[in-house]
Protein backbone atom coordinates (compact mmCIF):
# COMPACT_ATOMS: atom_id res chain seq x y z
CA MET A 1 -29.84 -7.66 8.50
CA CYS A 2 -32.43 -9.54 10.50
CA TYR A 3 -32.47 -13.34 10.50
CA PRO A 4 -34.61 -15.88 12.36
CA LEU A 5 -32.78 -17.00 15.51
CA GLY A 6 -30.30 -19.73 14.66
CA GLU A 7 -30.14 -19.02 10.92
CA PHE A 8 -27.08 -16.77 11.11
CA ARG A 9 -23.86 -18.21 12.47
CA VAL A 10 -22.39 -15.93 15.14
CA GLY A 11 -18.70 -16.38 15.90
CA ALA A 12 -15.88 -15.10 18.07
CA SER A 13 -15.33 -12.17 15.68
CA ASP A 14 -18.81 -10.82 16.56
CA VAL A 15 -19.85 -8.84 19.63
CA LEU A 16 -23.25 -8.82 21.29
CA LEU A 17 -24.31 -5.18 21.67
CA GLY A 18 -27.64 -5.84 23.34
CA GLN A 19 -31.20 -6.93 22.74
CA ILE A 20 -33.93 -5.45 20.57
CA HIS A 21 -37.34 -6.64 21.76
CA GLY A 22 -35.71 -9.78 23.16
CA CYS A 23 -33.68 -10.49 20.00
CA PRO A 24 -29.87 -10.42 20.17
CA PHE A 25 -28.16 -7.62 18.22
CA TYR A 26 -24.63 -8.40 17.01
CA MET A 27 -21.96 -6.47 15.15
CA ALA A 28 -18.69 -7.66 13.64
CA ARG A 29 -15.76 -6.79 15.92
CA ASP A 30 -13.91 -4.79 13.23
CA GLN A 31 -17.05 -2.74 12.56
CA PHE A 32 -17.58 -2.31 16.31
CA GLU A 33 -14.09 -0.82 16.63
CA LEU A 34 -15.28 2.03 14.39
CA TRP A 35 -18.65 2.48 16.15
CA GLN A 36 -17.77 1.81 19.80
CA ASN A 37 -18.10 5.47 20.82
CA THR A 38 -21.51 5.80 19.16
CA HIS A 39 -25.01 5.30 20.54
CA LEU A 40 -27.11 3.45 17.94
CA THR A 41 -30.89 3.52 17.75
CA VAL A 42 -32.50 0.96 15.44
CA ASP A 43 -35.84 2.05 14.04
CA VAL A 44 -38.32 0.29 11.74
CA VAL A 45 -40.07 2.29 9.04
CA GLU A 46 -42.27 1.53 6.07
CA GLY A 47 -40.45 1.12 2.79
CA ARG A 48 -38.26 -1.31 0.93
CA GLY A 49 -34.67 -1.87 1.94
CA ALA A 50 -31.89 -3.08 -0.32
CA SER A 51 -31.28 -6.50 1.22
CA PHE A 52 -32.72 -9.96 1.73
CA SER A 53 -33.47 -9.50 5.43
CA ILE A 54 -36.70 -11.02 6.84
CA GLU A 55 -38.51 -7.69 7.20
CA ILE A 56 -38.47 -7.00 3.43
CA PRO A 57 -41.62 -9.05 2.57
CA LEU A 58 -43.48 -7.04 5.22
CA GLY A 59 -42.75 -3.77 3.41
CA LEU A 60 -40.47 -2.58 6.21
CA ARG A 61 -36.84 -1.59 6.56
CA PHE A 62 -34.45 -0.79 9.37
CA VAL A 63 -32.99 2.68 9.85
CA ILE A 64 -30.13 3.29 12.27
CA HIS A 65 -29.76 6.68 13.93
CA SER A 66 -26.47 7.48 15.64
CA ARG A 67 -24.86 10.01 17.94
CA LEU A 68 -21.59 10.07 19.85
CA TYR A 69 -21.73 9.05 23.50
CA THR A 70 -21.00 11.69 26.10
CA ASP A 71 -17.95 11.14 28.32
CA ASP A 72 -20.24 10.14 31.21
CA GLU A 73 -22.12 7.64 29.03
CA LEU A 74 -18.86 6.10 27.80
CA ALA A 75 -17.61 5.68 31.37
CA ALA A 76 -20.84 3.88 32.36
CA LEU A 77 -20.84 1.33 29.51
CA PRO A 78 -20.30 -2.33 30.44
CA PRO A 79 -17.44 -4.16 28.73
CA ILE A 80 -18.25 -5.89 25.44
CA GLU A 81 -17.65 -9.63 25.35
CA PRO A 82 -17.12 -11.67 22.19
CA ALA A 83 -20.06 -13.77 21.04
CA LEU A 84 -18.63 -17.29 21.21
CA GLN A 85 -21.82 -19.01 20.07
CA ALA A 86 -25.28 -18.06 18.97
CA PRO A 87 -27.86 -18.29 21.78
């Protein structure tokens, strides 16, 4: 889901995974526990998604591609810190 900055409350149970075009990308900690060994690529394609995210009126949707990290990639990852507050 994509929200305008400040319209989604981020808490200590969320982790900041990185930035997408300067926008923070968060995941719930319990979900992250399942995906922590996986490289995620977020793509935007034409089509209608099944949500109320801000890209829907533009006729776009997000698609996530995934693959497992290699052992070397896992070893090079920085530690994940909890998101205590939204930026």
